[in-house]
Amino acid sequence: TAAKQVVLSRAMSIDAEEGVRLLIKFSMVDSGIDSALETQKFDVAIQWAQLAMPAKLPYVFLKNAMHWEDQGEFRMAEDAFVKAGKPREAIDMYIHQHDFTAARRVADGHDQSAIPSICTAHARVCFQQGSYKDAEALLLQANSPDLLLKFYRDANMYQDAQRIANEYVPEKKSEIARDRALAMQDPLQAGSMLEDNGEHGLAIESYLKASREHT
């Protein structure tokens, strides 16, 4: 063990090519790279992997990316994630930071299949902030009208939900109309809407709730 430590210390203190030759001599390339990663000597680990173990480069870059992310150096982390062949990790990092512009940039360049998930995550934030039109545009871009419909229903925004159902999810039109009618304060208006949508039993129940105040 002591001898290995001497070899590693020597390898790290000299030129990368000489260090690699020393590691090869003692069959320590793999363990040498791991040791460099553990001590956060990422430049050394990258150089050694490039010279003697290219198959380990993605792993080295991934470890480097995770280090940069922990340090809050997101652009450096992005570069390392991409070099590691893990652009989705960079995208998820940016989504977590709500930096959707950067997430979309990485997706456009390296993983376009991630674009719908970016749009969906961005839409959730927009909806929480009350930017409903922005959220709607993003979810339609992500081809997720069902999720948009759910957002509007959960927020009791039945008029918008009805509009989306009519245009994009026609099989939900009757269901949304019923929910919208049941949420109305005026039993006559609600009954009329239910009647128009063929919900006759519910329409009768709504009409029977009418009082002198409504007529």
N, C-alpha and C. Protein backbone atom coordinates (compact mmCIF):
# COMPACT_ATOMS: atom_id res chain seq x y z
N THR A 1 0.82 -1.21 0.00
CA THR A 1 0.00 0.00 0.00
C THR A 1 0.86 1.26 0.00
N ALA A 2 1.89 1.23 0.80
CA ALA A 2 2.79 2.38 0.86
C ALA A 2 3.48 2.60 -0.49
N ALA A 3 3.85 1.50 -1.13
CA ALA A 3 4.52 1.60 -2.44
C ALA A 3 3.58 2.23 -3.47
N LYS A 4 2.32 1.84 -3.42
CA LYS A 4 1.34 2.41 -4.35
C LYS A 4 1.17 3.90 -4.12
N GLN A 5 1.17 4.30 -2.86
CA GLN A 5 1.05 5.72 -2.55
C GLN A 5 2.24 6.51 -3.10
N VAL A 6 3.42 5.89 -3.03
CA VAL A 6 4.61 6.56 -3.56
C VAL A 6 4.47 6.73 -5.08
N VAL A 7 4.02 5.67 -5.76
CA VAL A 7 3.85 5.72 -7.21
C VAL A 7 2.83 6.80 -7.59
N LEU A 8 1.70 6.84 -6.88
CA LEU A 8 0.66 7.83 -7.17
C LEU A 8 1.16 9.25 -6.93
N SER A 9 1.84 9.46 -5.82
CA SER A 9 2.37 10.79 -5.51
C SER A 9 3.36 11.23 -6.58
N ARG A 10 4.20 10.30 -7.00
CA ARG A 10 5.18 10.62 -8.03
C ARG A 10 4.50 10.93 -9.36
N ALA A 11 3.50 10.11 -9.71
CA ALA A 11 2.80 10.28 -10.99
C ALA A 11 2.10 11.63 -11.06
N MET A 12 1.56 12.07 -9.93
CA MET A 12 0.82 13.33 -9.91
C MET A 12 1.74 14.55 -9.90
N SER A 13 2.98 14.34 -9.60
CA SER A 13 3.90 15.47 -9.49
C SER A 13 4.71 15.70 -10.76
N ILE A 14 4.54 14.82 -11.75
CA ILE A 14 5.31 14.97 -12.98
C ILE A 14 4.37 15.18 -14.17
N ASP A 15 4.94 15.33 -15.34
CA ASP A 15 4.17 15.51 -16.57
C ASP A 15 3.18 14.36 -16.75
N ALA A 16 2.02 14.67 -17.35
CA ALA A 16 0.96 13.67 -17.49
C ALA A 16 1.42 12.43 -18.25
N GLU A 17 2.17 12.63 -19.32
CA GLU A 17 2.62 11.47 -20.11
C GLU A 17 3.60 10.62 -19.33
N GLU A 18 4.50 11.26 -18.61
CA GLU A 18 5.44 10.51 -17.77
C GLU A 18 4.69 9.80 -16.65
N GLY A 19 3.71 10.50 -16.08
CA GLY A 19 2.92 9.91 -15.01
C GLY A 19 2.17 8.67 -15.48
N VAL A 20 1.62 8.74 -16.66
CA VAL A 20 0.90 7.59 -17.22
C VAL A 20 1.85 6.41 -17.43
N ARG A 21 3.04 6.69 -17.96
CA ARG A 21 4.02 5.61 -18.17
C ARG A 21 4.36 4.93 -16.85
N LEU A 22 4.46 5.74 -15.80
CA LEU A 22 4.76 5.19 -14.47
C LEU A 22 3.59 4.32 -13.99
N LEU A 23 2.38 4.81 -14.18
CA LEU A 23 1.21 4.04 -13.76
C LEU A 23 1.10 2.74 -14.55
N ILE A 24 1.37 2.81 -15.85
CA ILE A 24 1.31 1.60 -16.68
C ILE A 24 2.34 0.58 -16.20
N LYS A 25 3.52 1.06 -15.86
CA LYS A 25 4.59 0.16 -15.40
C LYS A 25 4.16 -0.64 -14.18
N PHE A 26 3.36 0.00 -13.31
CA PHE A 26 2.94 -0.68 -12.08
C PHE A 26 1.48 -1.15 -12.15
N SER A 27 0.90 -1.15 -13.38
CA SER A 27 -0.49 -1.60 -13.59
C SER A 27 -1.46 -0.85 -12.67
N MET A 28 -1.30 0.45 -12.63
CA MET A 28 -2.09 1.28 -11.71
C MET A 28 -2.86 2.39 -12.42
N VAL A 29 -3.10 2.26 -13.71
CA VAL A 29 -3.79 3.33 -14.43
C VAL A 29 -5.20 3.54 -13.87
N ASP A 30 -5.95 2.45 -13.76
CA ASP A 30 -7.34 2.54 -13.29
C ASP A 30 -7.41 3.11 -11.88
N SER A 31 -6.64 2.53 -10.98
CA SER A 31 -6.66 3.01 -9.59
C SER A 31 -6.09 4.42 -9.49
N GLY A 32 -5.14 4.74 -10.38
CA GLY A 32 -4.57 6.09 -10.38
C GLY A 32 -5.61 7.14 -10.76
N ILE A 33 -6.41 6.83 -11.77
CA ILE A 33 -7.48 7.75 -12.17
C ILE A 33 -8.48 7.92 -11.04
N ASP A 34 -8.86 6.81 -10.40
CA ASP A 34 -9.80 6.89 -9.27
C ASP A 34 -9.24 7.74 -8.14
N SER A 35 -7.96 7.58 -7.88
CA SER A 35 -7.32 8.37 -6.82
C SER A 35 -7.32 9.86 -7.17
N ALA A 36 -7.05 10.17 -8.43
CA ALA A 36 -7.08 11.58 -8.85
C ALA A 36 -8.48 12.16 -8.71
N LEU A 37 -9.50 11.36 -9.01
CA LEU A 37 -10.88 11.83 -8.85
C LEU A 37 -11.21 12.05 -7.38
N GLU A 38 -10.76 11.14 -6.53
CA GLU A 38 -11.06 11.26 -5.10
C GLU A 38 -10.45 12.52 -4.50
N THR A 39 -9.29 12.90 -5.01
CA THR A 39 -8.62 14.11 -4.50
C THR A 39 -8.97 15.34 -5.33
N GLN A 40 -9.99 15.20 -6.21
CA GLN A 40 -10.51 16.29 -7.04
C GLN A 40 -9.45 16.89 -7.97
N LYS A 41 -8.52 16.06 -8.39
CA LYS A 41 -7.56 16.48 -9.41
C LYS A 41 -8.12 16.05 -10.78
N PHE A 42 -9.16 16.76 -11.19
CA PHE A 42 -9.92 16.32 -12.36
C PHE A 42 -9.12 16.48 -13.65
N ASP A 43 -8.32 17.53 -13.74
CA ASP A 43 -7.51 17.72 -14.96
C ASP A 43 -6.54 16.55 -15.14
N VAL A 44 -5.95 16.11 -14.04
CA VAL A 44 -5.01 14.98 -14.10
C VAL A 44 -5.75 13.71 -14.51
N ALA A 45 -6.91 13.48 -13.89
CA ALA A 45 -7.70 12.28 -14.20
C ALA A 45 -8.10 12.26 -15.67
N ILE A 46 -8.49 13.42 -16.19
CA ILE A 46 -8.90 13.51 -17.60
C ILE A 46 -7.72 13.21 -18.52
N GLN A 47 -6.57 13.79 -18.20
CA GLN A 47 -5.38 13.58 -19.04
C GLN A 47 -4.96 12.11 -19.03
N TRP A 48 -4.95 11.51 -17.86
CA TRP A 48 -4.55 10.10 -17.77
C TRP A 48 -5.53 9.20 -18.52
N ALA A 49 -6.82 9.50 -18.38
CA ALA A 49 -7.82 8.69 -19.09
C ALA A 49 -7.66 8.85 -20.61
N GLN A 50 -7.43 10.07 -21.05
CA GLN A 50 -7.25 10.31 -22.49
C GLN A 50 -6.04 9.55 -23.03
N LEU A 51 -4.98 9.49 -22.24
CA LEU A 51 -3.74 8.87 -22.71
C LEU A 51 -3.75 7.35 -22.61
N ALA A 52 -4.37 6.82 -21.56
CA ALA A 52 -4.21 5.39 -21.32
C ALA A 52 -5.50 4.60 -21.16
N MET A 53 -6.63 5.27 -20.93
CA MET A 53 -7.87 4.53 -20.71
C MET A 53 -9.07 5.34 -21.23
N PRO A 54 -9.17 5.51 -22.54
CA PRO A 54 -10.25 6.33 -23.12
C PRO A 54 -11.66 5.85 -22.74
N ALA A 55 -11.82 4.57 -22.53
CA ALA A 55 -13.14 4.02 -22.18
C ALA A 55 -13.64 4.58 -20.84
N LYS A 56 -12.72 5.06 -20.02
CA LYS A 56 -13.11 5.58 -18.71
C LYS A 56 -13.39 7.09 -18.74
N LEU A 57 -13.17 7.72 -19.88
CA LEU A 57 -13.36 9.17 -19.97
C LEU A 57 -14.78 9.61 -19.60
N PRO A 58 -15.84 8.96 -20.11
CA PRO A 58 -17.19 9.40 -19.73
C PRO A 58 -17.41 9.40 -18.23
N TYR A 59 -16.90 8.37 -17.54
CA TYR A 59 -17.02 8.30 -16.09
C TYR A 59 -16.29 9.47 -15.43
N VAL A 60 -15.09 9.77 -15.93
CA VAL A 60 -14.30 10.87 -15.37
C VAL A 60 -15.03 12.20 -15.56
N PHE A 61 -15.54 12.41 -16.78
CA PHE A 61 -16.26 13.66 -17.04
C PHE A 61 -17.53 13.76 -16.19
N LEU A 62 -18.20 12.63 -15.97
CA LEU A 62 -19.41 12.63 -15.15
C LEU A 62 -19.08 13.05 -13.71
N LYS A 63 -18.01 12.49 -13.17
CA LYS A 63 -17.60 12.87 -11.82
C LYS A 63 -17.23 14.36 -11.76
N ASN A 64 -16.58 14.83 -12.80
CA ASN A 64 -16.21 16.25 -12.87
C ASN A 64 -17.46 17.12 -12.93
N ALA A 65 -18.44 16.69 -13.73
CA ALA A 65 -19.69 17.45 -13.85
C ALA A 65 -20.41 17.55 -12.51
N MET A 66 -20.47 16.44 -11.79
CA MET A 66 -21.15 16.44 -10.49
C MET A 66 -20.44 17.36 -9.51
N HIS A 67 -19.13 17.41 -9.60
CA HIS A 67 -18.36 18.34 -8.75
C HIS A 67 -18.72 19.78 -9.07
N TRP A 68 -18.74 20.14 -10.37
CA TRP A 68 -19.07 21.51 -10.75
C TRP A 68 -20.50 21.87 -10.35
N GLU A 69 -21.41 20.91 -10.48
CA GLU A 69 -22.80 21.19 -10.08
C GLU A 69 -22.88 21.48 -8.58
N ASP A 70 -22.17 20.69 -7.78
CA ASP A 70 -22.16 20.92 -6.33
C ASP A 70 -21.58 22.29 -5.99
N GLN A 71 -20.67 22.76 -6.82
CA GLN A 71 -20.03 24.06 -6.59
C GLN A 71 -20.87 25.22 -7.13
N GLY A 72 -21.98 24.90 -7.82
CA GLY A 72 -22.82 25.94 -8.40
C GLY A 72 -22.28 26.49 -9.71
N GLU A 73 -21.29 25.81 -10.27
CA GLU A 73 -20.71 26.23 -11.56
C GLU A 73 -21.45 25.47 -12.66
N PHE A 74 -22.65 25.94 -12.99
CA PHE A 74 -23.54 25.15 -13.82
C PHE A 74 -23.09 25.08 -15.28
N ARG A 75 -22.49 26.12 -15.79
CA ARG A 75 -22.03 26.07 -17.19
C ARG A 75 -20.87 25.09 -17.33
N MET A 76 -19.97 25.07 -16.34
CA MET A 76 -18.88 24.10 -16.35
C MET A 76 -19.44 22.68 -16.22
N ALA A 77 -20.45 22.53 -15.34
CA ALA A 77 -21.08 21.22 -15.17
C ALA A 77 -21.74 20.77 -16.47
N GLU A 78 -22.41 21.70 -17.14
CA GLU A 78 -23.05 21.38 -18.42
C GLU A 78 -22.04 20.83 -19.42
N ASP A 79 -20.91 21.52 -19.54
CA ASP A 79 -19.88 21.10 -20.49
C ASP A 79 -19.38 19.70 -20.17
N ALA A 80 -19.17 19.42 -18.89
CA ALA A 80 -18.68 18.10 -18.49
C ALA A 80 -19.75 17.03 -18.70
N PHE A 81 -21.02 17.35 -18.39
CA PHE A 81 -22.10 16.37 -18.61
C PHE A 81 -22.18 16.00 -20.09
N VAL A 82 -22.07 16.99 -20.95
CA VAL A 82 -22.14 16.74 -22.40
C VAL A 82 -20.98 15.87 -22.84
N LYS A 83 -19.78 16.17 -22.35
CA LYS A 83 -18.60 15.37 -22.70
C LYS A 83 -18.72 13.94 -22.16
N ALA A 84 -19.47 13.80 -21.07
CA ALA A 84 -19.69 12.46 -20.50
C ALA A 84 -20.77 11.69 -21.26
N GLY A 85 -21.39 12.35 -22.24
CA GLY A 85 -22.48 11.71 -22.97
C GLY A 85 -23.76 11.67 -22.17
N LYS A 86 -23.91 12.62 -21.22
CA LYS A 86 -25.09 12.68 -20.36
C LYS A 86 -25.76 14.05 -20.45
N PRO A 87 -26.19 14.47 -21.64
CA PRO A 87 -26.83 15.79 -21.73
C PRO A 87 -28.12 15.88 -20.92
N ARG A 88 -28.81 14.75 -20.75
CA ARG A 88 -30.07 14.79 -19.97
C ARG A 88 -29.80 15.20 -18.52
N GLU A 89 -28.63 14.82 -18.01
CA GLU A 89 -28.27 15.23 -16.64
C GLU A 89 -28.13 16.75 -16.56
N ALA A 90 -27.55 17.33 -17.59
CA ALA A 90 -27.40 18.80 -17.62
C ALA A 90 -28.77 19.46 -17.73
N ILE A 91 -29.64 18.87 -18.53
CA ILE A 91 -31.00 19.41 -18.69
C ILE A 91 -31.75 19.36 -17.37
N ASP A 92 -31.67 18.22 -16.69
CA ASP A 92 -32.35 18.09 -15.39
C ASP A 92 -31.79 19.07 -14.36
N MET A 93 -30.49 19.30 -14.43
CA MET A 93 -29.85 20.26 -13.53
C MET A 93 -30.45 21.65 -13.73
N TYR A 94 -30.58 22.05 -14.99
CA TYR A 94 -31.12 23.37 -15.29
C TYR A 94 -32.61 23.46 -14.95
N ILE A 95 -33.35 22.40 -15.18
CA ILE A 95 -34.77 22.39 -14.81
C ILE A 95 -34.91 22.59 -13.30
N HIS A 96 -34.06 21.91 -12.54
CA HIS A 96 -34.10 22.05 -11.08
C HIS A 96 -33.81 23.49 -10.66
N GLN A 97 -32.98 24.18 -11.44
CA GLN A 97 -32.65 25.58 -11.15
C GLN A 97 -33.67 26.55 -11.75
N HIS A 98 -34.68 26.01 -12.45
CA HIS A 98 -35.68 26.82 -13.17
C HIS A 98 -35.03 27.69 -14.25
N ASP A 99 -33.89 27.23 -14.75
CA ASP A 99 -33.24 27.93 -15.87
C ASP A 99 -33.67 27.21 -17.15
N PHE A 100 -34.88 27.50 -17.59
CA PHE A 100 -35.45 26.76 -18.71
C PHE A 100 -34.83 27.15 -20.05
N THR A 101 -34.31 28.37 -20.13
CA THR A 101 -33.63 28.79 -21.35
C THR A 101 -32.38 27.94 -21.58
N ALA A 102 -31.60 27.75 -20.52
CA ALA A 102 -30.39 26.93 -20.63
C ALA A 102 -30.75 25.47 -20.90
N ALA A 103 -31.79 24.99 -20.24
CA ALA A 103 -32.22 23.60 -20.45
C ALA A 103 -32.61 23.38 -21.91
N ARG A 104 -33.33 24.35 -22.46
CA ARG A 104 -33.76 24.23 -23.85
C ARG A 104 -32.55 24.30 -24.80
N ARG A 105 -31.58 25.14 -24.47
CA ARG A 105 -30.38 25.23 -25.30
C ARG A 105 -29.65 23.89 -25.38
N VAL A 106 -29.50 23.24 -24.23
CA VAL A 106 -28.84 21.93 -24.21
C VAL A 106 -29.66 20.91 -24.98
N ALA A 107 -30.97 20.94 -24.79
CA ALA A 107 -31.84 19.98 -25.49
C ALA A 107 -31.78 20.18 -27.00
N ASP A 108 -31.82 21.44 -27.43
CA ASP A 108 -31.76 21.71 -28.87
C ASP A 108 -30.47 21.18 -29.48
N GLY A 109 -29.39 21.27 -28.73
CA GLY A 109 -28.10 20.86 -29.27
C GLY A 109 -27.76 19.39 -29.10
N HIS A 110 -28.36 18.75 -28.06
CA HIS A 110 -27.88 17.40 -27.74
C HIS A 110 -28.96 16.35 -27.48
N ASP A 111 -30.18 16.75 -27.14
CA ASP A 111 -31.20 15.75 -26.81
C ASP A 111 -32.59 16.35 -27.00
N GLN A 112 -33.05 16.38 -28.23
CA GLN A 112 -34.32 17.03 -28.52
C GLN A 112 -35.52 16.26 -27.94
N SER A 113 -35.31 15.01 -27.59
CA SER A 113 -36.40 14.24 -26.97
C SER A 113 -36.76 14.79 -25.59
N ALA A 114 -35.89 15.63 -25.02
CA ALA A 114 -36.15 16.20 -23.69
C ALA A 114 -36.99 17.46 -23.76
N ILE A 115 -37.25 17.98 -24.96
CA ILE A 115 -37.96 19.26 -25.08
C ILE A 115 -39.36 19.20 -24.44
N PRO A 116 -40.16 18.16 -24.67
CA PRO A 116 -41.48 18.12 -24.02
C PRO A 116 -41.41 18.19 -22.50
N SER A 117 -40.46 17.49 -21.90
CA SER A 117 -40.36 17.52 -20.43
C SER A 117 -39.93 18.90 -19.94
N ILE A 118 -39.10 19.60 -20.72
CA ILE A 118 -38.71 20.96 -20.35
C ILE A 118 -39.93 21.88 -20.41
N CYS A 119 -40.69 21.78 -21.49
CA CYS A 119 -41.89 22.61 -21.65
C CYS A 119 -42.88 22.35 -20.52
N THR A 120 -43.04 21.08 -20.15
CA THR A 120 -43.97 20.74 -19.08
C THR A 120 -43.54 21.32 -17.74
N ALA A 121 -42.25 21.17 -17.42
CA ALA A 121 -41.73 21.72 -16.16
C ALA A 121 -41.86 23.24 -16.14
N HIS A 122 -41.55 23.88 -17.27
CA HIS A 122 -41.68 25.34 -17.37
C HIS A 122 -43.13 25.76 -17.21
N ALA A 123 -44.04 25.00 -17.83
CA ALA A 123 -45.46 25.32 -17.75
C ALA A 123 -45.97 25.26 -16.31
N ARG A 124 -45.52 24.28 -15.57
CA ARG A 124 -45.94 24.17 -14.16
C ARG A 124 -45.58 25.43 -13.39
N VAL A 125 -44.36 25.91 -13.60
CA VAL A 125 -43.90 27.11 -12.91
C VAL A 125 -44.73 28.32 -13.36
N CYS A 126 -44.97 28.42 -14.67
CA CYS A 126 -45.76 29.54 -15.20
C CYS A 126 -47.16 29.52 -14.61
N PHE A 127 -47.76 28.35 -14.52
CA PHE A 127 -49.11 28.25 -13.99
C PHE A 127 -49.16 28.66 -12.52
N GLN A 128 -48.15 28.22 -11.77
CA GLN A 128 -48.08 28.59 -10.34
C GLN A 128 -47.94 30.10 -10.17
N GLN A 129 -47.30 30.74 -11.15
CA GLN A 129 -47.09 32.19 -11.08
C GLN A 129 -48.23 32.97 -11.70
N GLY A 130 -49.24 32.28 -12.21
CA GLY A 130 -50.39 32.95 -12.80
C GLY A 130 -50.21 33.33 -14.26
N SER A 131 -49.13 32.86 -14.88
CA SER A 131 -48.90 33.15 -16.31
C SER A 131 -49.57 32.04 -17.13
N TYR A 132 -50.91 32.08 -17.15
CA TYR A 132 -51.66 30.96 -17.71
C TYR A 132 -51.47 30.82 -19.22
N LYS A 133 -51.42 31.93 -19.93
CA LYS A 133 -51.26 31.85 -21.38
C LYS A 133 -49.90 31.29 -21.76
N ASP A 134 -48.87 31.68 -21.01
CA ASP A 134 -47.54 31.13 -21.27
C ASP A 134 -47.53 29.63 -21.00
N ALA A 135 -48.16 29.22 -19.89
CA ALA A 135 -48.23 27.80 -19.56
C ALA A 135 -48.98 27.03 -20.64
N GLU A 136 -50.07 27.62 -21.13
CA GLU A 136 -50.86 26.97 -22.17
C GLU A 136 -50.03 26.77 -23.44
N ALA A 137 -49.31 27.80 -23.85
CA ALA A 137 -48.49 27.70 -25.06
C ALA A 137 -47.42 26.62 -24.91
N LEU A 138 -46.83 26.54 -23.73
CA LEU A 138 -45.77 25.54 -23.50
C LEU A 138 -46.33 24.12 -23.53
N LEU A 139 -47.49 23.92 -22.91
CA LEU A 139 -48.06 22.57 -22.87
C LEU A 139 -48.57 22.13 -24.23
N LEU A 140 -49.07 23.07 -25.01
CA LEU A 140 -49.48 22.72 -26.36
C LEU A 140 -48.26 22.41 -27.22
N GLN A 141 -47.17 23.12 -26.98
CA GLN A 141 -45.93 22.83 -27.69
C GLN A 141 -45.42 21.43 -27.32
N ALA A 142 -45.64 21.06 -26.06
CA ALA A 142 -45.23 19.73 -25.60
C ALA A 142 -46.23 18.65 -25.98
N ASN A 143 -47.28 19.06 -26.71
CA ASN A 143 -48.34 18.12 -27.12
C ASN A 143 -48.98 17.45 -25.91
N SER A 144 -49.28 18.26 -24.88
CA SER A 144 -49.87 17.75 -23.65
C SER A 144 -51.17 18.49 -23.31
N PRO A 145 -52.16 18.46 -24.21
CA PRO A 145 -53.42 19.15 -23.90
C PRO A 145 -54.15 18.54 -22.70
N ASP A 146 -53.97 17.24 -22.48
CA ASP A 146 -54.61 16.59 -21.33
C ASP A 146 -54.11 17.18 -20.01
N LEU A 147 -52.80 17.41 -19.94
CA LEU A 147 -52.24 18.00 -18.72
C LEU A 147 -52.71 19.44 -18.57
N LEU A 148 -52.78 20.17 -19.66
CA LEU A 148 -53.30 21.54 -19.62
C LEU A 148 -54.74 21.55 -19.12
N LEU A 149 -55.51 20.61 -19.61
CA LEU A 149 -56.91 20.49 -19.17
C LEU A 149 -56.97 20.24 -17.67
N LYS A 150 -56.10 19.38 -17.17
CA LYS A 150 -56.06 19.10 -15.73
C LYS A 150 -55.70 20.35 -14.94
N PHE A 151 -54.71 21.10 -15.42
CA PHE A 151 -54.32 22.34 -14.74
C PHE A 151 -55.51 23.29 -14.61
N TYR A 152 -56.23 23.48 -15.72
CA TYR A 152 -57.36 24.40 -15.70
C TYR A 152 -58.49 23.88 -14.79
N ARG A 153 -58.73 22.59 -14.82
CA ARG A 153 -59.79 22.02 -13.97
C ARG A 153 -59.43 22.15 -12.50
N ASP A 154 -58.18 21.84 -12.17
CA ASP A 154 -57.75 21.93 -10.77
C ASP A 154 -57.84 23.36 -10.26
N ALA A 155 -57.69 24.33 -11.16
CA ALA A 155 -57.78 25.75 -10.77
C ALA A 155 -59.20 26.29 -10.89
N ASN A 156 -60.15 25.40 -11.19
CA ASN A 156 -61.56 25.79 -11.38
C ASN A 156 -61.73 26.82 -12.49
N MET A 157 -60.86 26.76 -13.48
CA MET A 157 -60.94 27.67 -14.63
C MET A 157 -61.68 26.92 -15.75
N TYR A 158 -62.98 26.75 -15.53
CA TYR A 158 -63.75 25.85 -16.40
C TYR A 158 -63.97 26.42 -17.80
N GLN A 159 -64.02 27.73 -17.93
CA GLN A 159 -64.21 28.30 -19.26
C GLN A 159 -63.01 27.98 -20.16
N ASP A 160 -61.81 28.13 -19.58
CA ASP A 160 -60.60 27.79 -20.34
C ASP A 160 -60.52 26.28 -20.57
N ALA A 161 -60.92 25.52 -19.55
CA ALA A 161 -60.91 24.06 -19.71
C ALA A 161 -61.85 23.64 -20.84
N GLN A 162 -63.03 24.28 -20.90
CA GLN A 162 -63.99 23.96 -21.95
C GLN A 162 -63.42 24.30 -23.33
N ARG A 163 -62.74 25.43 -23.41
CA ARG A 163 -62.13 25.84 -24.68
C ARG A 163 -61.09 24.81 -25.16
N ILE A 164 -60.25 24.37 -24.24
CA ILE A 164 -59.21 23.39 -24.59
C ILE A 164 -59.84 22.05 -24.95
N ALA A 165 -60.85 21.66 -24.21
CA ALA A 165 -61.52 20.39 -24.51
C ALA A 165 -62.17 20.44 -25.89
N ASN A 166 -62.83 21.54 -26.18
CA ASN A 166 -63.50 21.67 -27.48
C ASN A 166 -62.51 21.56 -28.64
N GLU A 167 -61.33 22.14 -28.43
CA GLU A 167 -60.38 22.23 -29.54
C GLU A 167 -59.42 21.04 -29.63
N TYR A 168 -59.01 20.51 -28.45
CA TYR A 168 -57.94 19.51 -28.46
C TYR A 168 -58.33 18.16 -27.87
N VAL A 169 -59.30 18.14 -26.96
CA VAL A 169 -59.65 16.88 -26.29
C VAL A 169 -61.17 16.71 -26.37
N PRO A 170 -61.74 16.50 -27.56
CA PRO A 170 -63.19 16.48 -27.72
C PRO A 170 -63.89 15.42 -26.90
N GLU A 171 -63.20 14.33 -26.58
CA GLU A 171 -63.84 13.28 -25.78
C GLU A 171 -64.11 13.73 -24.34
N LYS A 172 -63.53 14.87 -23.93
CA LYS A 172 -63.73 15.38 -22.58
C LYS A 172 -64.74 16.52 -22.53
N LYS A 173 -65.30 16.90 -23.66
CA LYS A 173 -66.18 18.07 -23.73
C LYS A 173 -67.35 17.94 -22.77
N SER A 174 -68.04 16.81 -22.81
CA SER A 174 -69.23 16.63 -21.97
C SER A 174 -68.86 16.64 -20.49
N GLU A 175 -67.76 16.00 -20.17
CA GLU A 175 -67.32 15.92 -18.77
C GLU A 175 -66.98 17.31 -18.23
N ILE A 176 -66.28 18.11 -19.03
CA ILE A 176 -65.92 19.46 -18.60
C ILE A 176 -67.16 20.34 -18.47
N ALA A 177 -68.08 20.19 -19.42
CA ALA A 177 -69.32 20.98 -19.37
C ALA A 177 -70.09 20.66 -18.09
N ARG A 178 -70.11 19.40 -17.71
CA ARG A 178 -70.81 19.02 -16.48
C ARG A 178 -70.15 19.64 -15.26
N ASP A 179 -68.83 19.55 -15.20
CA ASP A 179 -68.11 20.14 -14.06
C ASP A 179 -68.33 21.65 -14.01
N ARG A 180 -68.29 22.27 -15.18
CA ARG A 180 -68.48 23.71 -15.24
C ARG A 180 -69.87 24.10 -14.77
N ALA A 181 -70.87 23.32 -15.18
CA ALA A 181 -72.25 23.61 -14.77
C ALA A 181 -72.43 23.44 -13.27
N LEU A 182 -71.85 22.37 -12.74
CA LEU A 182 -72.01 22.09 -11.31
C LEU A 182 -71.32 23.15 -10.45
N ALA A 183 -70.34 23.84 -11.03
CA ALA A 183 -69.64 24.88 -10.28
C ALA A 183 -70.36 26.22 -10.33
N MET A 184 -71.38 26.33 -11.17
CA MET A 184 -72.10 27.58 -11.30
C MET A 184 -72.98 27.86 -10.07
N GLN A 185 -73.15 29.13 -9.76
CA GLN A 185 -74.00 29.53 -8.64
C GLN A 185 -75.47 29.54 -9.03
N ASP A 186 -75.74 29.82 -10.28
CA ASP A 186 -77.14 29.93 -10.74
C ASP A 186 -77.61 28.56 -11.23
N PRO A 187 -78.57 27.92 -10.54
CA PRO A 187 -79.03 26.59 -10.94
C PRO A 187 -79.72 26.56 -12.30
N LEU A 188 -80.30 27.71 -12.72
CA LEU A 188 -80.95 27.73 -14.02
C LEU A 188 -79.91 27.70 -15.15
N GLN A 189 -78.87 28.50 -15.00
CA GLN A 189 -77.80 28.49 -16.01
C GLN A 189 -77.11 27.12 -16.05
N ALA A 190 -76.87 26.58 -14.85
CA ALA A 190 -76.23 25.27 -14.78
C ALA A 190 -77.11 24.21 -15.42
N GLY A 191 -78.39 24.25 -15.11
CA GLY A 191 -79.31 23.27 -15.69
C GLY A 191 -79.36 23.36 -17.20
N SER A 192 -79.37 24.58 -17.71
CA SER A 192 -79.41 24.77 -19.15
C SER A 192 -78.16 24.20 -19.82
N MET A 193 -77.01 24.44 -19.20
CA MET A 193 -75.77 23.91 -19.77
C MET A 193 -75.76 22.39 -19.73
N LEU A 194 -76.21 21.82 -18.61
CA LEU A 194 -76.27 20.36 -18.50
C LEU A 194 -77.24 19.77 -19.52
N GLU A 195 -78.36 20.44 -19.70
CA GLU A 195 -79.36 19.99 -20.67
C GLU A 195 -78.77 19.99 -22.09
N ASP A 196 -78.05 21.07 -22.41
CA ASP A 196 -77.43 21.17 -23.73
C ASP A 196 -76.43 20.05 -23.99
N ASN A 197 -75.82 19.53 -22.92
CA ASN A 197 -74.82 18.48 -23.06
C ASN A 197 -75.40 17.08 -22.81
N GLY A 198 -76.73 17.00 -22.77
CA GLY A 198 -77.37 15.69 -22.65
C GLY A 198 -77.37 15.10 -21.25
N GLU A 199 -76.95 15.89 -20.26
CA GLU A 199 -76.96 15.40 -18.87
C GLU A 199 -78.31 15.73 -18.24
N HIS A 200 -79.36 15.03 -18.68
CA HIS A 200 -80.73 15.41 -18.32
C HIS A 200 -81.04 15.19 -16.84
N GLY A 201 -80.54 14.10 -16.29
CA GLY A 201 -80.78 13.86 -14.87
C GLY A 201 -80.19 14.95 -14.00
N LEU A 202 -78.95 15.31 -14.28
CA LEU A 202 -78.29 16.37 -13.52
C LEU A 202 -78.96 17.72 -13.79
N ALA A 203 -79.43 17.92 -15.01
CA ALA A 203 -80.12 19.17 -15.33
C ALA A 203 -81.38 19.32 -14.47
N ILE A 204 -82.14 18.25 -14.35
CA ILE A 204 -83.37 18.29 -13.53
C ILE A 204 -83.01 18.61 -12.08
N GLU A 205 -81.98 17.94 -11.57
CA GLU A 205 -81.56 18.20 -10.18
C GLU A 205 -81.20 19.67 -10.00
N SER A 206 -80.51 20.23 -10.99
CA SER A 206 -80.12 21.63 -10.90
C SER A 206 -81.33 22.55 -10.95
N TYR A 207 -82.27 22.28 -11.87
CA TYR A 207 -83.48 23.11 -11.98
C TYR A 207 -84.27 23.09 -10.67
N LEU A 208 -84.32 21.94 -10.03
CA LEU A 208 -85.10 21.82 -8.80
C LEU A 208 -84.48 22.57 -7.63
N LYS A 209 -83.25 23.00 -7.80
CA LYS A 209 -82.60 23.80 -6.75
C LYS A 209 -82.97 25.27 -6.88
N ALA A 210 -83.61 25.63 -7.96
CA ALA A 210 -83.97 27.04 -8.17
C ALA A 210 -84.99 27.50 -7.14
N SER A 211 -84.84 28.71 -6.68
CA SER A 211 -85.78 29.31 -5.72
C SER A 211 -86.32 30.59 -6.31
N ARG A 212 -87.12 31.31 -5.53
CA ARG A 212 -87.65 32.60 -6.01
C ARG A 212 -86.53 33.57 -6.39
N GLU A 213 -85.39 33.41 -5.72
CA GLU A 213 -84.29 34.32 -5.99
C GLU A 213 -83.76 34.16 -7.42
N HIS A 214 -83.97 32.99 -8.00
CA HIS A 214 -83.39 32.70 -9.31
C HIS A 214 -84.38 32.90 -10.44
N THR A 215 -85.63 33.18 -10.11
CA THR A 215 -86.65 33.24 -11.19
C THR A 215 -87.33 34.61 -11.20
